[in-house]
C-alpha atoms as a PDB file:
ATOM      1  CA  MET A   1     -91.929 128.153-152.579  1.00  0.00           C
ATOM      2  CA  ARG A   2     -89.629 125.231-151.319  1.00  0.00           C
ATOM      3  CA  SER A   3     -89.413 124.014-155.050  1.00  0.00           C
ATOM      4  CA  LEU A   4     -88.239 127.494-156.153  1.00  0.00           C
ATOM      5  CA  LEU A   5     -85.739 127.792-153.525  1.00  0.00           C
ATOM      6  CA  CYS A   6     -84.278 124.473-154.367  1.00  0.00           C
ATOM      7  CA  PHE A   7     -84.152 125.420-158.006  1.00  0.00           C
ATOM      8  CA  PHE A   8     -82.086 128.558-157.288  1.00  0.00           C
ATOM      9  CA  ILE A   9     -79.853 126.600-154.777  1.00  0.00           C
ATOM     10  CA  LEU A  10     -79.126 123.949-157.480  1.00  0.00           C
ATOM     11  CA  LEU A  11     -78.585 126.707-160.186  1.00  0.00           C
ATOM     12  CA  LEU A  12     -75.945 128.361-157.979  1.00  0.00           C
ATOM     13  CA  TYR A  13     -74.421 125.148-157.119  1.00  0.00           C
ATOM     14  CA  SER A  14     -74.046 124.243-160.810  1.00  0.00           C
ATOM     15  CA  SER A  15     -72.669 127.550-161.669  1.00  0.00           C
ATOM     16  CA  ILE A  16     -69.946 127.137-159.107  1.00  0.00           C
ATOM     17  CA  LEU A  17     -69.117 123.665-160.580  1.00  0.00           C
ATOM     18  CA  VAL A  18     -68.751 125.016-164.121  1.00  0.00           C
ATOM     19  CA  ALA A  19     -66.588 128.070-162.873  1.00  0.00           C
ATOM     20  CA  GLN A  20     -64.144 125.888-160.989  1.00  0.00           C
ATOM     21  CA  ASN A  21     -62.094 122.758-161.687  1.00  0.00           C
ATOM     22  CA  LYS A  22     -64.052 120.085-159.986  1.00  0.00           C
ATOM     23  CA  ASP A  23     -64.836 116.355-160.158  1.00  0.00           C
ATOM     24  CA  THR A  24     -68.156 114.835-159.148  1.00  0.00           C
ATOM     25  CA  VAL A  25     -68.407 111.359-157.831  1.00  0.00           C
ATOM     26  CA  ARG A  26     -71.959 109.984-157.491  1.00  0.00           C
ATOM     27  CA  LEU A  27     -72.645 107.245-154.838  1.00  0.00           C
ATOM     28  CA  TYR A  28     -75.955 105.466-154.891  1.00  0.00           C
ATOM     29  CA  PHE A  29     -77.827 104.101-151.886  1.00  0.00           C
ATOM     30  CA  GLU A  30     -80.377 101.233-151.396  1.00  0.00           C
ATOM     31  CA  LEU A  31     -83.952 102.357-150.399  1.00  0.00           C
ATOM     32  CA  ASN A  32     -84.221 103.884-147.073  1.00  0.00           C
ATOM     33  CA  GLU A  33     -80.460 103.081-146.376  1.00  0.00           C
ATOM     34  CA  LYS A  34     -78.177 105.752-144.692  1.00  0.00           C
ATOM     35  CA  VAL A  35     -74.956 103.935-144.991  1.00  0.00           C
ATOM     36  CA  PRO A  36     -72.898 103.508-148.268  1.00  0.00           C
ATOM     37  CA  ASN A  37     -73.020  99.966-149.590  1.00  0.00           C
ATOM     38  CA  LYS A  38     -70.060  97.926-150.599  1.00  0.00           C
ATOM     39  CA  HIS A  39     -69.952  99.288-154.090  1.00  0.00           C
ATOM     40  CA  SER A  40     -70.085 103.035-152.952  1.00  0.00           C
ATOM     41  CA  GLN A  41     -67.318 102.168-150.616  1.00  0.00           C
ATOM     42  CA  GLN A  42     -65.313 100.646-153.384  1.00  0.00           C
ATOM     43  CA  LYS A  43     -65.896 103.703-155.473  1.00  0.00           C
ATOM     44  CA  ILE A  44     -64.401 105.864-152.572  1.00  0.00           C
ATOM     45  CA  ASP A  45     -61.558 103.431-152.268  1.00  0.00           C
ATOM     46  CA  SER A  46     -60.709 103.765-155.996  1.00  0.00           C
ATOM     47  CA  LEU A  47     -60.745 107.614-155.515  1.00  0.00           C
ATOM     48  CA  ILE A  48     -57.904 107.107-152.853  1.00  0.00           C
ATOM     49  CA  TYR A  49     -56.184 104.525-154.809  1.00  0.00           C
ATOM     50  CA  ASN A  50     -55.957 106.489-158.083  1.00  0.00           C
ATOM     51  CA  ASP A  51     -54.899 109.700-156.154  1.00  0.00           C
ATOM     52  CA  ILE A  52     -57.954 111.564-157.140  1.00  0.00           C
ATOM     53  CA  LEU A  53     -58.782 112.332-153.531  1.00  0.00           C
ATOM     54  CA  TYR A  54     -56.321 112.952-150.752  1.00  0.00           C
ATOM     55  CA  PRO A  55     -55.892 115.190-147.675  1.00  0.00           C
ATOM     56  CA  GLY A  56     -55.750 118.753-148.663  1.00  0.00           C
ATOM     57  CA  GLU A  57     -58.341 118.710-151.440  1.00  0.00           C
ATOM     58  CA  HIS A  58     -61.550 120.533-150.823  1.00  0.00           C
ATOM     59  CA  VAL A  59     -64.559 118.385-150.856  1.00  0.00           C
ATOM     60  CA  MET A  60     -68.299 118.973-150.776  1.00  0.00           C
ATOM     61  CA  ILE A  61     -70.745 116.277-149.781  1.00  0.00           C
ATOM     62  CA  ILE A  62     -74.336 116.584-150.980  1.00  0.00           C
ATOM     63  CA  GLY A  63     -77.054 114.102-149.999  1.00  0.00           C
ATOM     64  CA  TYR A  64     -80.425 113.277-151.753  1.00  0.00           C
ATOM     65  CA  ALA A  65     -83.382 111.139-151.386  1.00  0.00           C
ATOM     66  CA  ASP A  66     -86.103 110.169-153.791  1.00  0.00           C
ATOM     67  CA  TYR A  67     -89.765 111.300-153.458  1.00  0.00           C
ATOM     68  CA  LEU A  68     -90.798 108.322-151.317  1.00  0.00           C
ATOM     69  CA  GLY A  69     -91.494 109.284-147.715  1.00  0.00           C
ATOM     70  CA  SER A  70     -92.449 112.624-146.118  1.00  0.00           C
ATOM     71  CA  GLU A  71     -90.556 115.819-146.845  1.00  0.00           C
ATOM     72  CA  ARG A  72     -89.060 115.781-143.216  1.00  0.00           C
ATOM     73  CA  TYR A  73     -88.046 112.152-143.384  1.00  0.00           C
ATOM     74  CA  ASN A  74     -86.197 112.682-146.681  1.00  0.00           C
ATOM     75  CA  GLU A  75     -84.448 115.800-145.448  1.00  0.00           C
ATOM     76  CA  GLY A  76     -83.263 113.742-142.424  1.00  0.00           C
ATOM     77  CA  LEU A  77     -82.355 110.840-144.635  1.00  0.00           C
ATOM     78  CA  SER A  78     -80.338 112.815-147.043  1.00  0.00           C
ATOM     79  CA  GLN A  79     -78.362 114.369-144.367  1.00  0.00           C
ATOM     80  CA  GLU A  80     -77.551 111.035-142.603  1.00  0.00           C
ATOM     81  CA  ARG A  81     -76.371 109.785-146.014  1.00  0.00           C
ATOM     82  CA  ALA A  82     -73.947 112.740-146.464  1.00  0.00           C
ATOM     83  CA  LYS A  83     -72.762 112.448-142.785  1.00  0.00           C
ATOM     84  CA  ASN A  84     -71.868 108.718-143.283  1.00  0.00           C
ATOM     85  CA  VAL A  85     -69.986 109.518-146.421  1.00  0.00           C
ATOM     86  CA  GLN A  86     -67.909 112.122-144.589  1.00  0.00           C
ATOM     87  CA  ALA A  87     -67.271 109.746-141.788  1.00  0.00           C
ATOM     88  CA  TYR A  88     -65.990 107.150-144.423  1.00  0.00           C
ATOM     89  CA  LEU A  89     -63.789 109.721-145.911  1.00  0.00           C
ATOM     90  CA  GLN A  90     -62.423 110.681-142.607  1.00  0.00           C
ATOM     91  CA  GLN A  91     -61.173 107.010-142.149  1.00  0.00           C
ATOM     92  CA  TYR A  92     -58.842 107.692-144.905  1.00  0.00           C
ATOM     93  CA  GLY A  93     -57.501 110.860-143.391  1.00  0.00           C
ATOM     94  CA  ILE A  94     -59.546 113.324-145.149  1.00  0.00           C
ATOM     95  CA  ARG A  95     -59.594 116.185-142.583  1.00  0.00           C
ATOM     96  CA  LYS A  96     -62.845 117.797-141.388  1.00  0.00           C
ATOM     97  CA  GLU A  97     -61.462 121.255-142.376  1.00  0.00           C
ATOM     98  CA  ASP A  98     -61.112 119.882-146.075  1.00  0.00           C
ATOM     99  CA  ILE A  99     -64.877 119.208-146.279  1.00  0.00           C
ATOM    100  CA  THR A 100     -66.148 122.578-146.890  1.00  0.00           C
ATOM    101  CA  LEU A 101     -69.905 121.511-147.195  1.00  0.00           C
ATOM    102  CA  CYS A 102     -71.796 118.451-145.934  1.00  0.00           C
ATOM    103  CA  ILE A 103     -75.531 118.787-146.358  1.00  0.00           C
ATOM    104  CA  GLY A 104     -78.688 116.910-147.363  1.00  0.00           C
ATOM    105  CA  LYS A 105     -81.011 118.564-149.780  1.00  0.00           C
ATOM    106  CA  GLY A 106     -83.818 116.211-149.221  1.00  0.00           C
ATOM    107  CA  GLU A 107     -85.926 114.688-152.035  1.00  0.00           C
ATOM    108  CA  ILE A 108     -85.589 115.465-155.640  1.00  0.00           C
ATOM    109  CA  GLU A 109     -89.104 116.208-156.879  1.00  0.00           C
ATOM    110  CA  ARG A 110     -90.242 114.135-159.918  1.00  0.00           C
ATOM    111  CA  PRO A 111     -93.820 115.275-160.673  1.00  0.00           C
ATOM    112  CA  ASN A 112     -94.213 113.038-163.606  1.00  0.00           C
ATOM    113  CA  ILE A 113     -93.095 109.931-161.874  1.00  0.00           C
ATOM    114  CA  LYS A 114     -95.494 108.392-159.281  1.00  0.00           C
ATOM    115  CA  GLY A 115     -94.488 104.739-158.910  1.00  0.00           C
ATOM    116  CA  LYS A 116     -94.486 103.051-155.611  1.00  0.00           C
ATOM    117  CA  GLU A 117     -90.787 101.918-156.123  1.00  0.00           C
ATOM    118  CA  GLY A 118     -89.650 105.486-156.204  1.00  0.00           C
ATOM    119  CA  TYR A 119     -86.850 106.647-158.329  1.00  0.00           C
ATOM    120  CA  ALA A 120     -83.456 104.789-157.529  1.00  0.00           C
ATOM    121  CA  ALA A 121     -81.209 107.296-159.186  1.00  0.00           C
ATOM    122  CA  ASP A 122     -82.111 109.972-156.780  1.00  0.00           C
ATOM    123  CA  ARG A 123     -81.022 107.974-153.698  1.00  0.00           C
ATOM    124  CA  LYS A 124     -77.551 109.305-153.866  1.00  0.00           C
ATOM    125  CA  VAL A 125     -74.652 111.382-152.457  1.00  0.00           C
ATOM    126  CA  ASP A 126     -72.452 113.556-154.636  1.00  0.00           C
ATOM    127  CA  ILE A 127     -68.867 114.034-153.645  1.00  0.00           C
ATOM    128  CA  VAL A 128     -67.581 117.234-155.307  1.00  0.00           C
ATOM    129  CA  ILE A 129     -63.688 117.372-155.297  1.00  0.00           C
ATOM    130  CA  SER A 130     -62.198 120.797-155.992  1.00  0.00           C
ATOM    131  CA  LYS A 131     -58.967 120.112-157.794  1.00  0.00           C
ATOM    132  CA  GLY A 132     -55.760 121.970-157.102  1.00  0.00           C
ATOM    133  CA  HIS A 133     -56.314 122.646-153.520  1.00  0.00           C
ATOM    134  CA  GLY A 134     -53.995 119.681-152.200  1.00  0.00           C
ATOM    135  CA  SER A 135     -50.379 119.304-152.297  1.00  0.00           C
ATOM    136  CA  ALA A 136     -47.924 116.496-153.114  1.00  0.00           C
ATOM    137  CA  ASN A 137     -46.889 116.387-149.520  1.00  0.00           C
ATOM    138  CA  ALA A 138     -50.620 115.831-148.426  1.00  0.00           C
ATOM    139  CA  ARG A 139     -50.939 112.867-150.528  1.00  0.00           C
ATOM    140  CA  GLN A 140     -48.130 110.961-148.416  1.00  0.00           C
ATOM    141  CA  LYS A 141     -50.244 111.092-145.401  1.00  0.00           C
ATOM    142  CA  ILE A 142     -52.673 108.437-146.738  1.00  0.00           C
ATOM    143  CA  PRO A 143     -51.064 105.249-145.536  1.00  0.00           C
ATOM    144  CA  GLN A 144     -50.643 102.937-148.552  1.00  0.00           C
ATOM    145  CA  SER A 145     -50.825  99.900-146.361  1.00  0.00           C
ATOM    146  CA  SER A 146     -54.450 100.720-145.562  1.00  0.00           C
ATOM    147  CA  PRO A 147     -56.591  97.417-145.560  1.00  0.00           C
ATOM    148  CA  LYS A 148     -59.159  99.220-147.635  1.00  0.00           C
ATOM    149  CA  ILE A 149     -56.604  99.850-150.392  1.00  0.00           C
ATOM    150  CA  GLU A 150     -55.138  96.472-150.335  1.00  0.00           C
ATOM    151  CA  ALA A 151     -58.594  94.991-150.667  1.00  0.00           C
ATOM    152  CA  LYS A 152     -59.161  97.269-153.593  1.00  0.00           C
ATOM    153  CA  THR A 153     -56.083  95.825-155.396  1.00  0.00           C
ATOM    154  CA  THR A 154     -56.860  92.185-154.762  1.00  0.00           C
ATOM    155  CA  ALA A 155     -57.582  91.070-158.257  1.00  0.00           C
ATOM    156  CA  PRO A 156     -60.061  88.603-159.600  1.00  0.00           C
ATOM    157  CA  GLN A 157     -59.366  85.484-161.546  1.00  0.00           C
ATOM    158  CA  LYS A 158     -56.784  86.102-164.343  1.00  0.00           C
ATOM    159  CA  HIS A 159     -55.521  89.271-162.532  1.00  0.00           C
ATOM    160  CA  THR A 160     -52.612  89.798-160.282  1.00  0.00           C
ATOM    161  CA  GLY A 161     -52.898  93.107-158.598  1.00  0.00           C
ATOM    162  CA  ASP A 162     -52.955  95.749-161.324  1.00  0.00           C
ATOM    163  CA  LEU A 163     -51.406  93.233-163.906  1.00  0.00           C
ATOM    164  CA  ILE A 164     -53.480  91.154-166.339  1.00  0.00           C
ATOM    165  CA  ASP A 165     -52.367  87.765-167.645  1.00  0.00           C
ATOM    166  CA  ILE A 166     -52.931  88.307-171.114  1.00  0.00           C
ATOM    167  CA  SER A 167     -51.666  84.831-172.013  1.00  0.00           C
ATOM    168  CA  SER A 168     -54.768  83.453-170.398  1.00  0.00           C
ATOM    169  CA  TYR A 169     -57.162  85.092-172.772  1.00  0.00           C
ATOM    170  CA  LYS A 170     -58.138  83.932-176.249  1.00  0.00           C
ATOM    171  CA  PRO A 171     -59.081  86.179-179.110  1.00  0.00           C
ATOM    172  CA  GLY A 172     -62.940  87.123-178.603  1.00  0.00           C
ATOM    173  CA  GLU A 173     -62.506  87.072-174.959  1.00  0.00           C
ATOM    174  CA  THR A 174     -62.951  90.086-172.668  1.00  0.00           C
ATOM    175  CA  PHE A 175     -61.978  91.611-169.437  1.00  0.00           C
ATOM    176  CA  VAL A 176     -63.248  94.428-167.346  1.00  0.00           C
ATOM    177  CA  LEU A 177     -60.954  97.466-167.148  1.00  0.00           C
ATOM    178  CA  ARG A 178     -60.957  97.848-163.362  1.00  0.00           C
ATOM    179  CA  ASN A 179     -60.227 101.000-161.305  1.00  0.00           C
ATOM    180  CA  ILE A 180     -61.361 103.113-164.192  1.00  0.00           C
ATOM    181  CA  TYR A 181     -62.778 106.391-162.806  1.00  0.00           C
ATOM    182  CA  PHE A 182     -65.055 108.827-164.920  1.00  0.00           C
ATOM    183  CA  PRO A 183     -66.733 111.821-163.287  1.00  0.00           C
ATOM    184  CA  ALA A 184     -70.445 111.445-163.479  1.00  0.00           C
ATOM    185  CA  GLU A 185     -71.848 112.051-166.971  1.00  0.00           C
ATOM    186  CA  SER A 186     -68.304 112.728-168.302  1.00  0.00           C
ATOM    187  CA  HIS A 187     -65.713 111.027-170.423  1.00  0.00           C
ATOM    188  CA  ASP A 188     -62.724 112.789-168.561  1.00  0.00           C
ATOM    189  CA  ILE A 189     -60.138 110.029-168.004  1.00  0.00           C
ATOM    190  CA  GLY A 190     -58.036 112.309-165.828  1.00  0.00           C
ATOM    191  CA  GLY A 191     -58.560 110.044-162.655  1.00  0.00           C
ATOM    192  CA  SER A 192     -57.668 106.794-164.425  1.00  0.00           C
ATOM    193  CA  ARG A 193     -53.981 107.299-165.221  1.00  0.00           C
ATOM    194  CA  LYS A 194     -52.773 104.303-163.359  1.00  0.00           C
ATOM    195  CA  THR A 195     -55.117 101.767-164.806  1.00  0.00           C
ATOM    196  CA  LEU A 196     -54.536 103.200-168.422  1.00  0.00           C
ATOM    197  CA  ASP A 197     -50.805 102.981-167.966  1.00  0.00           C
ATOM    198  CA  MET A 198     -51.341  99.402-166.857  1.00  0.00           C
ATOM    199  CA  LEU A 199     -53.150  98.841-170.387  1.00  0.00           C
ATOM    200  CA  TYR A 200     -50.516 100.858-172.188  1.00  0.00           C
ATOM    201  CA  ASN A 201     -47.762  98.720-170.749  1.00  0.00           C
ATOM    202  CA  ILE A 202     -49.614  95.437-171.676  1.00  0.00           C
ATOM    203  CA  LEU A 203     -49.721  96.773-175.352  1.00  0.00           C
ATOM    204  CA  VAL A 204     -46.201  97.737-175.360  1.00  0.00           C
ATOM    205  CA  THR A 205     -44.960  94.346-174.112  1.00  0.00           C
ATOM    206  CA  HIS A 206     -47.246  92.432-176.353  1.00  0.00           C
ATOM    207  CA  PRO A 207     -46.503  94.204-179.701  1.00  0.00           C
ATOM    208  CA  THR A 208     -48.734  91.977-181.712  1.00  0.00           C
ATOM    209  CA  LEU A 209     -51.885  92.367-179.504  1.00  0.00           C
ATOM    210  CA  LYS A 210     -54.784  94.171-180.825  1.00  0.00           C
ATOM    211  CA  ILE A 211     -57.795  95.042-178.808  1.00  0.00           C
ATOM    212  CA  SER A 212     -61.222  96.632-178.854  1.00  0.00           C
ATOM    213  CA  ILE A 213     -62.130  99.114-176.203  1.00  0.00           C
ATOM    214  CA  GLU A 214     -65.961  98.775-175.496  1.00  0.00           C
ATOM    215  CA  GLY A 215     -67.949 101.219-173.256  1.00  0.00           C
ATOM    216  CA  HIS A 216     -71.350 100.326-171.399  1.00  0.00           C
ATOM    217  CA  VAL A 217     -73.477 102.367-169.248  1.00  0.00           C
ATOM    218  CA  CYS A 218     -76.256 101.811-166.865  1.00  0.00           C
ATOM    219  CA  CYS A 219     -79.224 103.543-165.312  1.00  0.00           C
ATOM    220  CA  ILE A 220     -80.874 104.995-168.436  1.00  0.00           C
ATOM    221  CA  ASN A 221     -84.255 104.426-170.068  1.00  0.00           C
ATOM    222  CA  GLY A 222     -85.720 105.548-173.404  1.00  0.00           C
ATOM    223  CA  TYR A 223     -82.224 106.305-174.815  1.00  0.00           C
ATOM    224  CA  PRO A 224     -79.712 104.045-176.438  1.00  0.00           C
ATOM    225  CA  ASP A 225     -76.789 105.664-174.665  1.00  0.00           C
ATOM    226  CA  ALA A 226     -76.363 108.212-171.680  1.00  0.00           C
ATOM    227  CA  TYR A 227     -75.944 111.900-171.697  1.00  0.00           C
ATOM    228  CA  ASP A 228     -72.262 113.362-172.025  1.00  0.00           C
ATOM    229  CA  ILE A 229     -72.039 116.659-170.233  1.00  0.00           C
ATOM    230  CA  ASP A 230     -68.634 117.368-171.822  1.00  0.00           C
ATOM    231  CA  SER A 231     -69.722 116.932-175.403  1.00  0.00           C
ATOM    232  CA  LYS A 232     -73.450 117.672-174.937  1.00  0.00           C
ATOM    233  CA  ASP A 233     -74.470 114.565-176.754  1.00  0.00           C
ATOM    234  CA  ASN A 234     -76.061 111.135-175.780  1.00  0.00           C
ATOM    235  CA  ASN A 235     -72.958 109.258-176.613  1.00  0.00           C
ATOM    236  CA  LEU A 236     -71.364 108.687-173.316  1.00  0.00           C
ATOM    237  CA  SER A 237     -70.248 105.067-173.556  1.00  0.00           C
ATOM    238  CA  LEU A 238     -68.677 105.775-177.006  1.00  0.00           C
ATOM    239  CA  ASN A 239     -66.917 108.879-175.853  1.00  0.00           C
ATOM    240  CA  ARG A 240     -65.421 107.214-172.836  1.00  0.00           C
ATOM    241  CA  ALA A 241     -64.191 104.243-175.162  1.00  0.00           C
ATOM    242  CA  LYS A 242     -62.713 106.857-177.532  1.00  0.00           C
ATOM    243  CA  ALA A 243     -61.183 108.808-174.667  1.00  0.00           C
ATOM    244  CA  ILE A 244     -59.236 105.710-173.763  1.00  0.00           C
ATOM    245  CA  TYR A 245     -58.417 104.989-177.422  1.00  0.00           C
ATOM    246  CA  ASP A 246     -57.035 108.584-177.784  1.00  0.00           C
ATOM    247  CA  TYR A 247     -54.957 108.206-174.734  1.00  0.00           C
ATOM    248  CA  LEU A 248     -53.341 105.170-176.027  1.00  0.00           C
ATOM    249  CA  VAL A 249     -52.659 106.604-179.518  1.00  0.00           C
ATOM    250  CA  ASP A 250     -51.279 109.771-177.949  1.00  0.00           C
ATOM    251  CA  ARG A 251     -48.800 107.595-175.947  1.00  0.00           C
ATOM    252  CA  GLY A 252     -47.569 105.957-179.205  1.00  0.00           C
ATOM    253  CA  ILE A 253     -49.616 102.806-179.657  1.00  0.00           C
ATOM    254  CA  ASP A 254     -50.424 102.207-183.373  1.00  0.00           C
ATOM    255  CA  ALA A 255     -54.098 103.024-184.060  1.00  0.00           C
ATOM    256  CA  ASN A 256     -54.341 100.047-186.386  1.00  0.00           C
ATOM    257  CA  ARG A 257     -54.085  97.849-183.190  1.00  0.00           C
ATOM    258  CA  LEU A 258     -57.101  99.441-181.614  1.00  0.00           C
ATOM    259  CA  LYS A 259     -60.771  99.703-182.183  1.00  0.00           C
ATOM    260  CA  TYR A 260     -63.405 101.473-179.867  1.00  0.00           C
ATOM    261  CA  TYR A 261     -67.201 101.096-179.631  1.00  0.00           C
ATOM    262  CA  GLY A 262     -69.914 102.463-177.477  1.00  0.00           C
ATOM    263  CA  PHE A 263     -72.767 100.010-176.669  1.00  0.00           C
ATOM    264  CA  GLY A 264     -74.751 102.138-174.373  1.00  0.00           C
ATOM    265  CA  LYS A 265     -77.145  99.906-172.408  1.00  0.00           C
ATOM    266  CA  SER A 266     -77.560  97.506-175.287  1.00  0.00           C
ATOM    267  CA  LYS A 267     -75.542  94.699-173.642  1.00  0.00           C
ATOM    268  CA  PRO A 268     -76.329  94.605-170.085  1.00  0.00           C
ATOM    269  CA  ILE A 269     -74.975  91.982-167.658  1.00  0.00           C
ATOM    270  CA  VAL A 270     -78.137  92.425-165.614  1.00  0.00           C
ATOM    271  CA  ALA A 271     -81.241  93.005-167.708  1.00  0.00           C
ATOM    272  CA  ILE A 272     -83.350  94.890-164.964  1.00  0.00           C
ATOM    273  CA  GLU A 273     -81.392  96.964-162.612  1.00  0.00           C
ATOM    274  CA  ARG A 274     -82.933  96.776-159.113  1.00  0.00           C
ATOM    275  CA  ASN A 275     -80.029  98.191-156.995  1.00  0.00           C
ATOM    276  CA  GLU A 276     -76.680  99.700-157.192  1.00  0.00           C
ATOM    277  CA  ASP A 277     -75.234  96.065-157.437  1.00  0.00           C
ATOM    278  CA  ASP A 278     -76.880  95.605-160.641  1.00  0.00           C
ATOM    279  CA  ALA A 279     -75.974  99.163-161.986  1.00  0.00           C
ATOM    280  CA  GLU A 280     -72.274  98.549-161.071  1.00  0.00           C
ATOM    281  CA  ARG A 281     -72.153  95.431-163.247  1.00  0.00           C
ATOM    282  CA  ASN A 282     -73.585  97.082-166.141  1.00  0.00           C
ATOM    283  CA  ARG A 283     -71.462 100.232-165.849  1.00  0.00           C
ATOM    284  CA  ARG A 284     -68.173  99.138-167.269  1.00  0.00           C
ATOM    285  CA  VAL A 285     -65.374  99.432-169.813  1.00  0.00           C
ATOM    286  CA  GLU A 286     -64.400  96.088-171.385  1.00  0.00           C
ATOM    287  CA  ILE A 287     -61.345  95.216-173.473  1.00  0.00           C
ATOM    288  CA  ARG A 288     -61.851  92.578-176.085  1.00  0.00           C
ATOM    289  CA  ILE A 289     -58.848  90.615-177.520  1.00  0.00           C
ATOM    290  CA  LEU A 290     -58.924  90.727-181.171  1.00  0.00           C
ATOM    291  CA  GLU A 291     -55.485  89.293-181.999  1.00  0.00           C
ATOM    292  CA  LYS A 292     -52.628  88.269-180.161  1.00  0.00           C
END
């Protein structure tokens, strides 16, 4: 009976998402952990940094757990995960009245999976953002001097803020396109304009530069690439790379300067993903320098 009830709840939830303009962001948790880890926190930071989420937007927070543990324990764990994500969002000024739902749905049943390590992909919280409810004035309420936002824009070697020092790269070398945001199982680039504008500006200021856009995914088994809910195929990494390619071409970059590829999970940085840290390293878009 409980399984049947959960099925209808999820069916209704899915129907609502299809009918409305929503983005879904998926945060993964370590085994038995209630608090978002650093990668999940950085993903939330990126939502704020890229103006995907701001006060005034309606947000639903849905927590889950895998099948390890008792039903009662998993319900409590999923609820605590959702509440802790809500608390993190509120630190950024997301108001309680903007959070229209904050619940834990307990475990996701996996009758054909019985491993003692559980199913890591089900230890998650979905943040569902209803687009179009916020206002331009509401965006200004998030202080841009926030320490979290500054930390997000602190760049690694060869980067300065959102700028990339192309002169330090040689043909054949790659860099990871940071602050790229895709909704779960989607190739929609709507939330990555700032980063893509940065890449566009690099190409404009370096007119002889040619690049390859290379998509990579994580967290799949038995398939070369992940499922894309937009195109209804298993070409997610390819579709994401092509979406970036199309964006640049539409902005006026010569298509002869660009190539795109989807490598699925064929070129992981971490061979065996044991936690979200490993998944985050494998889930990426790389830019390869072809010619300068």
